[in-house]
Structures are given as structure tokens and as C-alpha cells.
């Protein structure tokens, strides 16, 4: 497809989406126990951009309303997915809009409780839920989603789980609030890096054993490396999905090690760059977990709805 054809197809898709959604219900209505509030289309667009949605992604929208999140993902990015909502009228409307937009084979909607929804197929999860519901669903997201799955939330965060990114957008079509602003929060589900890891490297011409002890809370990791009877704190530690990186400075020999790898179960594979006073080299890095740890966030008490609602009352 030429650039001109691609631009024309994208523009046609955008017009088709706008035409389909303009017949959706008014922006804020009472559809049962919980008021239904649409996510403004510009916020939908930004959420999908932040999540880097592409044709290989499977998007699950929790509380899908008129379906615009998954429909947009299918039309603009070629993604597949489904949405769930408790209101059968909204579910019927979303499926009608998907058919009208020509993406019913890639965007499907179900009347289903989000707590009973199997999320394992997701590479992206989008949510616009009440703040206490975010906290209630957080343990399920962390326990069932694959490491590396992206989560995007409209307006509300995940409590103690700090976002990897957050931003504020103008939302002139937002039906609630006074300032016509929307917040977007983004997370990448972290792998379990907690525990003790061991590997060998050649140091000063001799094999040396490294042992790393990692403590983890959500995507934040800290640790110490034991090498040659001495212990060194790791610096610049980063965990994003399965990707892990950190540095080690061995002050005894003025050497710095920069480790970059990917966690796969009980193993890490990657590279290490070793910089010394007069040389620099890059080596393969393969570590094995010798003691599995439990991330601190996995030990948090599961919140109860009544407790959360009481805390949020003025």
C-alpha cells in the first residue's frame, strides 16, 4: 500500500469510527447500579498510544461501555480483543457498533463480571473503573497477567503500585468533573525477580562466582551482589516486564559491571559490559535462580470493598 493509500485508509477508518460512535448513548447515563461514563475519544486514542498497541496485540477492556476502546484498537491498529460489562444493553450496543465499524470479527463484547473474566490472553488491559475497584482488581492483574502485559487506566491509579508513566490530558468532551481534564496511568506487569541468583564470570583471568540477592516490591528492585567475599549494592536497578538491568561497581579493582537481561522463569540471559581501568569488554550473562523469593506486593492484604469505601468517604 502506498503512503497516500495508507493515509486515505486511516482517514476513512477514523470517519467510520466517528460515525458509528456518534449514535452511542449520551456521555453519562445511569445503566444500572453504576453510572456509565464514556471515556472521551481523545483519551481513548492517547491510552492506546501510551500502551503502544499494534496488530499483534490482544486488548481486554474491563468495563467496556459502548466498546470504543477495543473498536478503536481494532480499526486503527489492527489489534484484536474483547470487552466486558455488566449491563447487557451496553454490551449489545458495543457489538452493534463493532459490526457497523466493520471489526466485529476482531472486537467482541460480553456481559460478564470482570472478576470472573479470564485475562491470560491479554497483552494490553484497559480500565476505567472506580478507584476502589482498581484496588480490588489489582491482585488479579498482578497474579494472572503475563509479565510484560501493559495496563492503562483512565483517571485512577493503583494505590501503592506506582505507575511507570502518568499524564494529564485536556478532555473537553468529558461529561464529569469541573476542569475538563483526564489522567492516564500506565504500568507494565513485572516478572518475579525476587530471590537469590548465581552465575560465573572470568575476573582477573580466573572464574569468579557472583551471587545476587534481590528484594522486590512491584517493579522496584534492590539488592546486593556477593563477589569474592565482599558485598556490593546494585545501582540503577530497573525491572520492566521481564527485562532487568542493574550495575555493580567493584571498588577493589576499579571495575564496573553493567548487566542487561531477560528473566525467563528461573533463569536470566543477557549481556554484561565490564569496564576496567584500561579495558572494556562485553560477555554473555546467564544466571540461575537458586532461591525463589516472594515480592513484597504479593504479601499485601487483599483489600475489602467496605474498607476501601470507608477510607474514601470525606
C-alpha atoms as a PDB file:
ATOM      1  CA  UNK A   1       0.000   0.000   0.000  1.00  0.00           C
ATOM      2  CA  UNK A   2       1.366   3.439  -0.921  1.00  0.00           C
ATOM      3  CA  UNK A   3       1.733   6.205   1.659  1.00  0.00           C
ATOM      4  CA  UNK A   4      -1.184   8.060   0.073  1.00  0.00           C
ATOM      5  CA  UNK A   5      -3.384   4.945   0.188  1.00  0.00           C
ATOM      6  CA  UNK A   6      -2.450   4.305   3.821  1.00  0.00           C
ATOM      7  CA  UNK A   7      -3.318   7.877   4.798  1.00  0.00           C
ATOM      8  CA  UNK A   8      -6.638   7.633   2.931  1.00  0.00           C
ATOM      9  CA  UNK A   9      -7.477   4.320   4.620  1.00  0.00           C
ATOM     10  CA  UNK A  10      -6.649   5.697   8.048  1.00  0.00           C
ATOM     11  CA  UNK A  11      -8.783   8.791   7.456  1.00  0.00           C
ATOM     12  CA  UNK A  12     -11.686   6.657   6.218  1.00  0.00           C
ATOM     13  CA  UNK A  13     -11.417   4.460   9.287  1.00  0.00           C
ATOM     14  CA  UNK A  14     -11.450   7.470  11.592  1.00  0.00           C
ATOM     15  CA  UNK A  15     -14.577   8.853   9.879  1.00  0.00           C
ATOM     16  CA  UNK A  16     -16.263   5.449  10.091  1.00  0.00           C
ATOM     17  CA  UNK A  17     -15.467   5.183  13.792  1.00  0.00           C
ATOM     18  CA  UNK A  18     -16.746   8.693  14.477  1.00  0.00           C
ATOM     19  CA  UNK A  19     -19.958   7.997  12.563  1.00  0.00           C
ATOM     20  CA  UNK A  20     -20.534   4.778  14.492  1.00  0.00           C
ATOM     21  CA  UNK A  21     -19.893   6.269  17.906  1.00  0.00           C
ATOM     22  CA  UNK A  22     -21.970   9.382  17.373  1.00  0.00           C
ATOM     23  CA  UNK A  23     -25.080   7.205  17.701  1.00  0.00           C
ATOM     24  CA  UNK A  24     -23.920   5.849  21.063  1.00  0.00           C
ATOM     25  CA  UNK A  25     -25.847   6.863  24.184  1.00  0.00           C
ATOM     26  CA  UNK A  26     -25.265  10.209  25.838  1.00  0.00           C
ATOM     27  CA  UNK A  27     -21.945  10.561  27.585  1.00  0.00           C
ATOM     28  CA  UNK A  28     -23.188   9.997  31.128  1.00  0.00           C
ATOM     29  CA  UNK A  29     -26.170   7.809  31.894  1.00  0.00           C
ATOM     30  CA  UNK A  30     -27.397   5.508  34.630  1.00  0.00           C
ATOM     31  CA  UNK A  31     -27.131   1.975  33.231  1.00  0.00           C
ATOM     32  CA  UNK A  32     -27.993   0.099  36.401  1.00  0.00           C
ATOM     33  CA  UNK A  33     -26.066   0.091  39.675  1.00  0.00           C
ATOM     34  CA  UNK A  34     -23.141   2.191  38.441  1.00  0.00           C
ATOM     35  CA  UNK A  35     -23.382   5.361  36.339  1.00  0.00           C
ATOM     36  CA  UNK A  36     -21.975   4.825  32.862  1.00  0.00           C
ATOM     37  CA  UNK A  37     -19.451   7.479  31.828  1.00  0.00           C
ATOM     38  CA  UNK A  38     -17.821   7.405  28.395  1.00  0.00           C
ATOM     39  CA  UNK A  39     -14.082   7.859  28.022  1.00  0.00           C
ATOM     40  CA  UNK A  40     -13.604  10.827  25.637  1.00  0.00           C
ATOM     41  CA  UNK A  41     -12.288   9.692  22.264  1.00  0.00           C
ATOM     42  CA  UNK A  42      -9.088  11.754  22.546  1.00  0.00           C
ATOM     43  CA  UNK A  43      -8.351   9.991  25.835  1.00  0.00           C
ATOM     44  CA  UNK A  44      -9.018   6.588  24.229  1.00  0.00           C
ATOM     45  CA  UNK A  45      -6.550   7.491  21.485  1.00  0.00           C
ATOM     46  CA  UNK A  46      -3.876   8.544  23.963  1.00  0.00           C
ATOM     47  CA  UNK A  47      -4.331   5.444  26.139  1.00  0.00           C
ATOM     48  CA  UNK A  48      -3.786   3.172  23.140  1.00  0.00           C
ATOM     49  CA  UNK A  49      -0.743   5.215  22.067  1.00  0.00           C
ATOM     50  CA  UNK A  50       0.795   5.000  25.536  1.00  0.00           C
ATOM     51  CA  UNK A  51       0.256   1.223  25.523  1.00  0.00           C
ATOM     52  CA  UNK A  52       1.946   1.020  22.083  1.00  0.00           C
ATOM     53  CA  UNK A  53      -0.894  -1.107  20.716  1.00  0.00           C
ATOM     54  CA  UNK A  54      -0.104  -2.868  17.438  1.00  0.00           C
ATOM     55  CA  UNK A  55      -1.542  -5.530  15.139  1.00  0.00           C
ATOM     56  CA  UNK A  56      -0.117  -8.334  17.256  1.00  0.00           C
ATOM     57  CA  UNK A  57      -1.828  -7.210  20.461  1.00  0.00           C
ATOM     58  CA  UNK A  58      -4.834  -8.653  22.254  1.00  0.00           C
ATOM     59  CA  UNK A  59      -6.692  -5.911  24.144  1.00  0.00           C
ATOM     60  CA  UNK A  60      -9.088  -6.608  27.009  1.00  0.00           C
ATOM     61  CA  UNK A  61     -11.217  -3.699  28.251  1.00  0.00           C
ATOM     62  CA  UNK A  62     -12.709  -4.030  31.728  1.00  0.00           C
ATOM     63  CA  UNK A  63     -15.920  -2.028  31.946  1.00  0.00           C
ATOM     64  CA  UNK A  64     -16.158  -1.602  28.183  1.00  0.00           C
ATOM     65  CA  UNK A  65     -19.272   0.604  27.922  1.00  0.00           C
ATOM     66  CA  UNK A  66     -20.010   1.392  24.264  1.00  0.00           C
ATOM     67  CA  UNK A  67     -16.905  -0.543  23.190  1.00  0.00           C
ATOM     68  CA  UNK A  68     -14.929   2.375  21.803  1.00  0.00           C
ATOM     69  CA  UNK A  69     -11.612   1.251  23.321  1.00  0.00           C
ATOM     70  CA  UNK A  70     -11.471  -2.170  21.653  1.00  0.00           C
ATOM     71  CA  UNK A  71     -13.184  -0.924  18.482  1.00  0.00           C
ATOM     72  CA  UNK A  72     -10.562   1.834  18.122  1.00  0.00           C
ATOM     73  CA  UNK A  73      -7.744  -0.644  18.788  1.00  0.00           C
ATOM     74  CA  UNK A  74      -9.102  -2.927  16.047  1.00  0.00           C
ATOM     75  CA  UNK A  75      -9.774  -0.185  13.487  1.00  0.00           C
ATOM     76  CA  UNK A  76      -6.649   1.921  13.887  1.00  0.00           C
ATOM     77  CA  UNK A  77      -4.056  -0.623  14.925  1.00  0.00           C
ATOM     78  CA  UNK A  78      -5.330  -3.950  13.622  1.00  0.00           C
ATOM     79  CA  UNK A  79      -5.456  -5.390  17.149  1.00  0.00           C
ATOM     80  CA  UNK A  80      -7.916  -7.995  18.408  1.00  0.00           C
ATOM     81  CA  UNK A  81      -9.667  -8.215  21.748  1.00  0.00           C
ATOM     82  CA  UNK A  82     -12.832  -8.108  23.774  1.00  0.00           C
ATOM     83  CA  UNK A  83     -14.590  -6.043  26.398  1.00  0.00           C
ATOM     84  CA  UNK A  84     -16.735  -6.974  29.377  1.00  0.00           C
ATOM     85  CA  UNK A  85     -19.528  -5.057  31.045  1.00  0.00           C
ATOM     86  CA  UNK A  86     -22.320  -5.957  33.424  1.00  0.00           C
ATOM     87  CA  UNK A  87     -25.007  -4.067  31.515  1.00  0.00           C
ATOM     88  CA  UNK A  88     -26.463  -6.134  28.685  1.00  0.00           C
ATOM     89  CA  UNK A  89     -27.740  -3.021  26.874  1.00  0.00           C
ATOM     90  CA  UNK A  90     -24.233  -1.604  26.668  1.00  0.00           C
ATOM     91  CA  UNK A  91     -22.872  -4.972  25.579  1.00  0.00           C
ATOM     92  CA  UNK A  92     -25.480  -5.171  22.798  1.00  0.00           C
ATOM     93  CA  UNK A  93     -24.693  -1.596  21.754  1.00  0.00           C
ATOM     94  CA  UNK A  94     -20.935  -2.261  21.670  1.00  0.00           C
ATOM     95  CA  UNK A  95     -21.391  -5.336  19.454  1.00  0.00           C
ATOM     96  CA  UNK A  96     -23.661  -3.328  17.129  1.00  0.00           C
ATOM     97  CA  UNK A  97     -21.052  -0.553  16.868  1.00  0.00           C
ATOM     98  CA  UNK A  98     -18.287  -3.101  16.197  1.00  0.00           C
ATOM     99  CA  UNK A  99     -20.364  -4.586  13.343  1.00  0.00           C
ATOM    100  CA  UNK A 100     -21.158  -1.135  11.965  1.00  0.00           C
ATOM    101  CA  UNK A 101     -17.436  -0.295  12.042  1.00  0.00           C
ATOM    102  CA  UNK A 102     -16.525  -3.493  10.199  1.00  0.00           C
ATOM    103  CA  UNK A 103     -14.499  -5.041  13.032  1.00  0.00           C
ATOM    104  CA  UNK A 104     -16.957  -7.495  14.587  1.00  0.00           C
ATOM    105  CA  UNK A 105     -14.509 -10.311  13.826  1.00  0.00           C
ATOM    106  CA  UNK A 106     -11.814  -8.594  15.946  1.00  0.00           C
ATOM    107  CA  UNK A 107     -13.784  -6.740  18.635  1.00  0.00           C
ATOM    108  CA  UNK A 108     -16.340  -8.695  20.698  1.00  0.00           C
ATOM    109  CA  UNK A 109     -18.181  -7.757  23.885  1.00  0.00           C
ATOM    110  CA  UNK A 110     -19.621  -9.910  26.660  1.00  0.00           C
ATOM    111  CA  UNK A 111     -21.971  -9.452  29.590  1.00  0.00           C
ATOM    112  CA  UNK A 112     -19.608 -10.624  32.289  1.00  0.00           C
ATOM    113  CA  UNK A 113     -18.245  -9.730  35.723  1.00  0.00           C
ATOM    114  CA  UNK A 114     -14.662  -8.512  35.412  1.00  0.00           C
ATOM    115  CA  UNK A 115     -13.649 -10.657  38.400  1.00  0.00           C
ATOM    116  CA  UNK A 116     -14.808 -13.764  36.512  1.00  0.00           C
ATOM    117  CA  UNK A 117     -13.022 -12.790  33.304  1.00  0.00           C
ATOM    118  CA  UNK A 118     -10.027 -14.807  32.090  1.00  0.00           C
ATOM    119  CA  UNK A 119      -7.293 -12.238  31.361  1.00  0.00           C
ATOM    120  CA  UNK A 120      -4.484 -14.600  30.401  1.00  0.00           C
ATOM    121  CA  UNK A 121      -4.738 -13.856  26.656  1.00  0.00           C
ATOM    122  CA  UNK A 122      -4.217 -10.118  27.147  1.00  0.00           C
ATOM    123  CA  UNK A 123      -1.143  -8.234  26.051  1.00  0.00           C
ATOM    124  CA  UNK A 124      -2.912  -4.944  26.897  1.00  0.00           C
ATOM    125  CA  UNK A 125      -5.577  -4.305  29.553  1.00  0.00           C
ATOM    126  CA  UNK A 126      -7.518  -1.029  29.627  1.00  0.00           C
ATOM    127  CA  UNK A 127      -9.698   0.097  32.509  1.00  0.00           C
ATOM    128  CA  UNK A 128     -11.957   2.959  33.540  1.00  0.00           C
ATOM    129  CA  UNK A 129     -13.222   1.842  36.913  1.00  0.00           C
ATOM    130  CA  UNK A 130     -13.942   3.436  40.256  1.00  0.00           C
ATOM    131  CA  UNK A 131     -10.799   3.903  42.394  1.00  0.00           C
ATOM    132  CA  UNK A 132     -11.812   1.269  44.930  1.00  0.00           C
ATOM    133  CA  UNK A 133     -12.491  -1.219  42.116  1.00  0.00           C
ATOM    134  CA  UNK A 134      -8.998  -0.591  40.733  1.00  0.00           C
ATOM    135  CA  UNK A 135      -7.578  -1.626  44.105  1.00  0.00           C
ATOM    136  CA  UNK A 136      -9.842  -4.654  44.290  1.00  0.00           C
ATOM    137  CA  UNK A 137      -8.808  -5.904  40.838  1.00  0.00           C
ATOM    138  CA  UNK A 138      -5.092  -5.144  41.283  1.00  0.00           C
ATOM    139  CA  UNK A 139      -4.219  -8.530  42.886  1.00  0.00           C
ATOM    140  CA  UNK A 140      -5.908 -10.352  39.968  1.00  0.00           C
ATOM    141  CA  UNK A 141      -3.977  -8.298  37.416  1.00  0.00           C
ATOM    142  CA  UNK A 142      -0.628  -8.984  39.072  1.00  0.00           C
ATOM    143  CA  UNK A 143      -1.349 -12.669  39.652  1.00  0.00           C
ATOM    144  CA  UNK A 144      -2.777 -13.634  36.270  1.00  0.00           C
ATOM    145  CA  UNK A 145      -1.316 -11.333  33.607  1.00  0.00           C
ATOM    146  CA  UNK A 146       1.888 -12.347  31.858  1.00  0.00           C
ATOM    147  CA  UNK A 147       4.993 -10.284  32.677  1.00  0.00           C
ATOM    148  CA  UNK A 148       5.261  -7.520  30.122  1.00  0.00           C
ATOM    149  CA  UNK A 149       1.490  -7.039  29.777  1.00  0.00           C
ATOM    150  CA  UNK A 150       0.647  -3.336  29.583  1.00  0.00           C
ATOM    151  CA  UNK A 151      -2.125  -1.805  31.692  1.00  0.00           C
ATOM    152  CA  UNK A 152      -3.642   1.626  31.075  1.00  0.00           C
ATOM    153  CA  UNK A 153      -6.137   3.256  33.433  1.00  0.00           C
ATOM    154  CA  UNK A 154      -8.275   6.328  32.882  1.00  0.00           C
ATOM    155  CA  UNK A 155      -8.329   8.744  35.836  1.00  0.00           C
ATOM    156  CA  UNK A 156      -7.495   6.390  38.721  1.00  0.00           C
ATOM    157  CA  UNK A 157      -4.251   4.837  39.918  1.00  0.00           C
ATOM    158  CA  UNK A 158      -3.472   1.509  41.614  1.00  0.00           C
ATOM    159  CA  UNK A 159      -2.677   2.705  45.120  1.00  0.00           C
ATOM    160  CA  UNK A 160       0.743   1.503  46.281  1.00  0.00           C
ATOM    161  CA  UNK A 161       1.649   0.290  42.787  1.00  0.00           C
ATOM    162  CA  UNK A 162       3.435   3.298  41.242  1.00  0.00           C
ATOM    163  CA  UNK A 163       2.776   3.867  37.538  1.00  0.00           C
ATOM    164  CA  UNK A 164       5.585   3.635  35.002  1.00  0.00           C
ATOM    165  CA  UNK A 165       4.091   6.692  33.319  1.00  0.00           C
ATOM    166  CA  UNK A 166       1.318   9.154  34.103  1.00  0.00           C
ATOM    167  CA  UNK A 167      -0.020  12.236  32.367  1.00  0.00           C
ATOM    168  CA  UNK A 168      -2.864  14.756  32.356  1.00  0.00           C
ATOM    169  CA  UNK A 169      -4.823  15.490  29.164  1.00  0.00           C
ATOM    170  CA  UNK A 170      -7.338  18.089  28.148  1.00  0.00           C
ATOM    171  CA  UNK A 171     -10.702  16.342  27.813  1.00  0.00           C
ATOM    172  CA  UNK A 172     -13.222  18.901  26.533  1.00  0.00           C
ATOM    173  CA  UNK A 173     -15.846  16.179  25.930  1.00  0.00           C
ATOM    174  CA  UNK A 174     -15.602  14.724  29.426  1.00  0.00           C
ATOM    175  CA  UNK A 175     -19.077  14.554  30.998  1.00  0.00           C
ATOM    176  CA  UNK A 176     -17.919  14.594  34.624  1.00  0.00           C
ATOM    177  CA  UNK A 177     -15.603  16.864  36.622  1.00  0.00           C
ATOM    178  CA  UNK A 178     -15.143  20.617  36.540  1.00  0.00           C
ATOM    179  CA  UNK A 179     -11.729  21.079  34.960  1.00  0.00           C
ATOM    180  CA  UNK A 180     -12.306  19.005  31.798  1.00  0.00           C
ATOM    181  CA  UNK A 181      -9.094  17.078  32.394  1.00  0.00           C
ATOM    182  CA  UNK A 182      -8.328  13.359  32.336  1.00  0.00           C
ATOM    183  CA  UNK A 183      -5.475  11.457  33.936  1.00  0.00           C
ATOM    184  CA  UNK A 184      -3.860   8.466  32.253  1.00  0.00           C
ATOM    185  CA  UNK A 185      -1.804   5.924  34.203  1.00  0.00           C
ATOM    186  CA  UNK A 186       0.394   3.240  32.619  1.00  0.00           C
ATOM    187  CA  UNK A 187       2.036   0.119  34.073  1.00  0.00           C
ATOM    188  CA  UNK A 188       3.986  -2.852  32.768  1.00  0.00           C
ATOM    189  CA  UNK A 189       3.326  -6.059  34.728  1.00  0.00           C
ATOM    190  CA  UNK A 190       6.661  -7.050  36.320  1.00  0.00           C
ATOM    191  CA  UNK A 191       8.167 -10.505  36.351  1.00  0.00           C
ATOM    192  CA  UNK A 192       9.096 -12.072  39.681  1.00  0.00           C
ATOM    193  CA  UNK A 193      12.771 -11.167  40.169  1.00  0.00           C
ATOM    194  CA  UNK A 194      12.837 -11.766  43.939  1.00  0.00           C
ATOM    195  CA  UNK A 195      15.217 -14.270  45.461  1.00  0.00           C
ATOM    196  CA  UNK A 196      18.833 -15.310  45.015  1.00  0.00           C
ATOM    197  CA  UNK A 197      20.593 -15.637  41.662  1.00  0.00           C
ATOM    198  CA  UNK A 198      24.008 -17.124  40.875  1.00  0.00           C
ATOM    199  CA  UNK A 199      26.375 -17.031  37.890  1.00  0.00           C
ATOM    200  CA  UNK A 200      30.066 -17.154  36.996  1.00  0.00           C
ATOM    201  CA  UNK A 201      32.297 -14.731  35.097  1.00  0.00           C
ATOM    202  CA  UNK A 202      36.033 -14.547  34.484  1.00  0.00           C
ATOM    203  CA  UNK A 203      37.619 -11.919  36.719  1.00  0.00           C
ATOM    204  CA  UNK A 204      41.359 -11.183  36.503  1.00  0.00           C
ATOM    205  CA  UNK A 205      41.784 -14.320  34.415  1.00  0.00           C
ATOM    206  CA  UNK A 206      40.046 -16.600  36.919  1.00  0.00           C
ATOM    207  CA  UNK A 207      36.454 -17.856  37.211  1.00  0.00           C
ATOM    208  CA  UNK A 208      34.548 -15.997  39.914  1.00  0.00           C
ATOM    209  CA  UNK A 209      31.124 -16.713  41.358  1.00  0.00           C
ATOM    210  CA  UNK A 210      28.577 -13.912  41.705  1.00  0.00           C
ATOM    211  CA  UNK A 211      25.514 -14.176  43.910  1.00  0.00           C
ATOM    212  CA  UNK A 212      22.733 -11.590  43.743  1.00  0.00           C
ATOM    213  CA  UNK A 213      20.036 -11.227  46.404  1.00  0.00           C
ATOM    214  CA  UNK A 214      17.013  -9.288  45.113  1.00  0.00           C
ATOM    215  CA  UNK A 215      14.163  -7.714  47.095  1.00  0.00           C
ATOM    216  CA  UNK A 216      11.169  -6.642  45.026  1.00  0.00           C
ATOM    217  CA  UNK A 217       8.061  -4.521  45.509  1.00  0.00           C
ATOM    218  CA  UNK A 218       6.037  -4.239  42.304  1.00  0.00           C
ATOM    219  CA  UNK A 219       8.565  -3.092  39.631  1.00  0.00           C
ATOM    220  CA  UNK A 220      11.010  -1.640  42.156  1.00  0.00           C
ATOM    221  CA  UNK A 221      14.031  -3.844  42.916  1.00  0.00           C
ATOM    222  CA  UNK A 222      17.006  -3.507  45.230  1.00  0.00           C
ATOM    223  CA  UNK A 223      19.809  -5.903  46.006  1.00  0.00           C
ATOM    224  CA  UNK A 224      23.376  -6.774  46.812  1.00  0.00           C
ATOM    225  CA  UNK A 225      25.949  -8.840  44.934  1.00  0.00           C
ATOM    226  CA  UNK A 226      28.420 -11.018  46.806  1.00  0.00           C
ATOM    227  CA  UNK A 227      31.722 -11.418  44.972  1.00  0.00           C
ATOM    228  CA  UNK A 228      34.977 -12.733  46.360  1.00  0.00           C
ATOM    229  CA  UNK A 229      33.797 -12.478  49.943  1.00  0.00           C
ATOM    230  CA  UNK A 230      32.691  -8.839  49.579  1.00  0.00           C
ATOM    231  CA  UNK A 231      29.188  -7.445  49.184  1.00  0.00           C
ATOM    232  CA  UNK A 232      28.299  -4.598  46.828  1.00  0.00           C
ATOM    233  CA  UNK A 233      24.929  -2.839  46.410  1.00  0.00           C
ATOM    234  CA  UNK A 234      23.496  -2.786  42.909  1.00  0.00           C
ATOM    235  CA  UNK A 235      22.772   0.607  41.355  1.00  0.00           C
ATOM    236  CA  UNK A 236      20.476   1.836  38.603  1.00  0.00           C
ATOM    237  CA  UNK A 237      18.260  -1.211  39.033  1.00  0.00           C
ATOM    238  CA  UNK A 238      15.320  -1.417  36.632  1.00  0.00           C
ATOM    239  CA  UNK A 239      12.635  -4.034  36.063  1.00  0.00           C
ATOM    240  CA  UNK A 240      10.173  -3.652  33.179  1.00  0.00           C
ATOM    241  CA  UNK A 241       8.171  -6.769  32.473  1.00  0.00           C
ATOM    242  CA  UNK A 242      10.795  -9.493  32.009  1.00  0.00           C
ATOM    243  CA  UNK A 243      13.612  -7.056  31.272  1.00  0.00           C
ATOM    244  CA  UNK A 244      16.052  -6.483  34.124  1.00  0.00           C
ATOM    245  CA  UNK A 245      19.123  -4.263  34.344  1.00  0.00           C
ATOM    246  CA  UNK A 246      21.456  -3.068  37.064  1.00  0.00           C
ATOM    247  CA  UNK A 247      25.077  -2.061  37.640  1.00  0.00           C
ATOM    248  CA  UNK A 248      27.765  -3.228  40.056  1.00  0.00           C
ATOM    249  CA  UNK A 249      30.858  -1.247  40.992  1.00  0.00           C
ATOM    250  CA  UNK A 250      33.756  -3.295  42.361  1.00  0.00           C
ATOM    251  CA  UNK A 251      35.850  -0.637  44.069  1.00  0.00           C
ATOM    252  CA  UNK A 252      38.622  -3.128  44.894  1.00  0.00           C
ATOM    253  CA  UNK A 253      39.739  -3.332  41.257  1.00  0.00           C
ATOM    254  CA  UNK A 254      38.029  -0.190  39.880  1.00  0.00           C
ATOM    255  CA  UNK A 255      35.722  -2.254  37.668  1.00  0.00           C
ATOM    256  CA  UNK A 256      32.120  -1.613  36.711  1.00  0.00           C
ATOM    257  CA  UNK A 257      29.674  -4.276  35.527  1.00  0.00           C
ATOM    258  CA  UNK A 258      26.522  -3.330  33.632  1.00  0.00           C
ATOM    259  CA  UNK A 259      24.057  -6.230  33.460  1.00  0.00           C
ATOM    260  CA  UNK A 260      21.144  -6.307  30.990  1.00  0.00           C
ATOM    261  CA  UNK A 261      18.990  -9.395  30.580  1.00  0.00           C
ATOM    262  CA  UNK A 262      15.595 -11.028  30.364  1.00  0.00           C
ATOM    263  CA  UNK A 263      14.005 -13.181  33.039  1.00  0.00           C
ATOM    264  CA  UNK A 264      12.515 -16.483  31.865  1.00  0.00           C
ATOM    265  CA  UNK A 265      11.237 -18.422  34.861  1.00  0.00           C
ATOM    266  CA  UNK A 266      14.254 -19.398  36.936  1.00  0.00           C
ATOM    267  CA  UNK A 267      16.881 -18.080  34.517  1.00  0.00           C
ATOM    268  CA  UNK A 268      18.209 -14.792  33.221  1.00  0.00           C
ATOM    269  CA  UNK A 269      20.000 -14.481  29.897  1.00  0.00           C
ATOM    270  CA  UNK A 270      21.619 -11.373  28.532  1.00  0.00           C
ATOM    271  CA  UNK A 271      24.911  -9.491  28.434  1.00  0.00           C
ATOM    272  CA  UNK A 272      27.300  -7.815  30.829  1.00  0.00           C
ATOM    273  CA  UNK A 273      29.615  -4.944  29.918  1.00  0.00           C
ATOM    274  CA  UNK A 274      32.760  -4.925  32.053  1.00  0.00           C
ATOM    275  CA  UNK A 275      34.690  -1.665  32.213  1.00  0.00           C
ATOM    276  CA  UNK A 276      38.081  -1.549  33.913  1.00  0.00           C
ATOM    277  CA  UNK A 277      40.883   0.993  34.240  1.00  0.00           C
ATOM    278  CA  UNK A 278      42.344   0.162  30.830  1.00  0.00           C
ATOM    279  CA  UNK A 279      39.827  -2.070  29.008  1.00  0.00           C
ATOM    280  CA  UNK A 280      36.203  -2.743  28.204  1.00  0.00           C
ATOM    281  CA  UNK A 281      34.567  -5.989  27.124  1.00  0.00           C
ATOM    282  CA  UNK A 282      31.120  -7.475  26.662  1.00  0.00           C
ATOM    283  CA  UNK A 283      30.275 -11.013  27.727  1.00  0.00           C
ATOM    284  CA  UNK A 284      27.288 -13.312  27.750  1.00  0.00           C
ATOM    285  CA  UNK A 285      25.445 -13.347  31.062  1.00  0.00           C
ATOM    286  CA  UNK A 286      23.490 -16.381  32.217  1.00  0.00           C
ATOM    287  CA  UNK A 287      22.182 -16.522  35.767  1.00  0.00           C
ATOM    288  CA  UNK A 288      20.166 -19.199  37.565  1.00  0.00           C
ATOM    289  CA  UNK A 289      17.800 -18.606  40.459  1.00  0.00           C
ATOM    290  CA  UNK A 290      18.911 -20.739  43.376  1.00  0.00           C
ATOM    291  CA  UNK A 291      16.291 -19.496  45.820  1.00  0.00           C
ATOM    292  CA  UNK A 292      12.908 -18.159  44.746  1.00  0.00           C
ATOM    293  CA  UNK A 293      11.658 -15.139  46.661  1.00  0.00           C
ATOM    294  CA  UNK A 294       8.238 -13.593  47.131  1.00  0.00           C
ATOM    295  CA  UNK A 295       7.778  -9.947  46.074  1.00  0.00           C
ATOM    296  CA  UNK A 296       6.548  -7.713  48.885  1.00  0.00           C
ATOM    297  CA  UNK A 297       3.449  -6.734  46.904  1.00  0.00           C
ATOM    298  CA  UNK A 298       2.328 -10.376  46.816  1.00  0.00           C
ATOM    299  CA  UNK A 299       2.101 -10.323  50.612  1.00  0.00           C
ATOM    300  CA  UNK A 300      -0.200  -7.298  50.786  1.00  0.00           C
ATOM    301  CA  UNK A 301      -3.592  -7.951  52.314  1.00  0.00           C
ATOM    302  CA  UNK A 302      -6.302  -8.153  49.670  1.00  0.00           C
ATOM    303  CA  UNK A 303      -8.431  -5.036  50.105  1.00  0.00           C
ATOM    304  CA  UNK A 304     -12.089  -5.373  51.016  1.00  0.00           C
ATOM    305  CA  UNK A 305     -14.657  -3.177  49.303  1.00  0.00           C
ATOM    306  CA  UNK A 306     -16.234  -1.935  52.529  1.00  0.00           C
ATOM    307  CA  UNK A 307     -12.850  -0.896  53.957  1.00  0.00           C
ATOM    308  CA  UNK A 308     -11.943   0.968  50.757  1.00  0.00           C
ATOM    309  CA  UNK A 309     -15.262   2.774  50.595  1.00  0.00           C
ATOM    310  CA  UNK A 310     -14.932   3.872  54.239  1.00  0.00           C
ATOM    311  CA  UNK A 311     -11.427   5.240  53.607  1.00  0.00           C
ATOM    312  CA  UNK A 312     -12.604   7.234  50.582  1.00  0.00           C
ATOM    313  CA  UNK A 313     -15.521   8.877  52.357  1.00  0.00           C
ATOM    314  CA  UNK A 314     -14.893  12.532  53.367  1.00  0.00           C
END
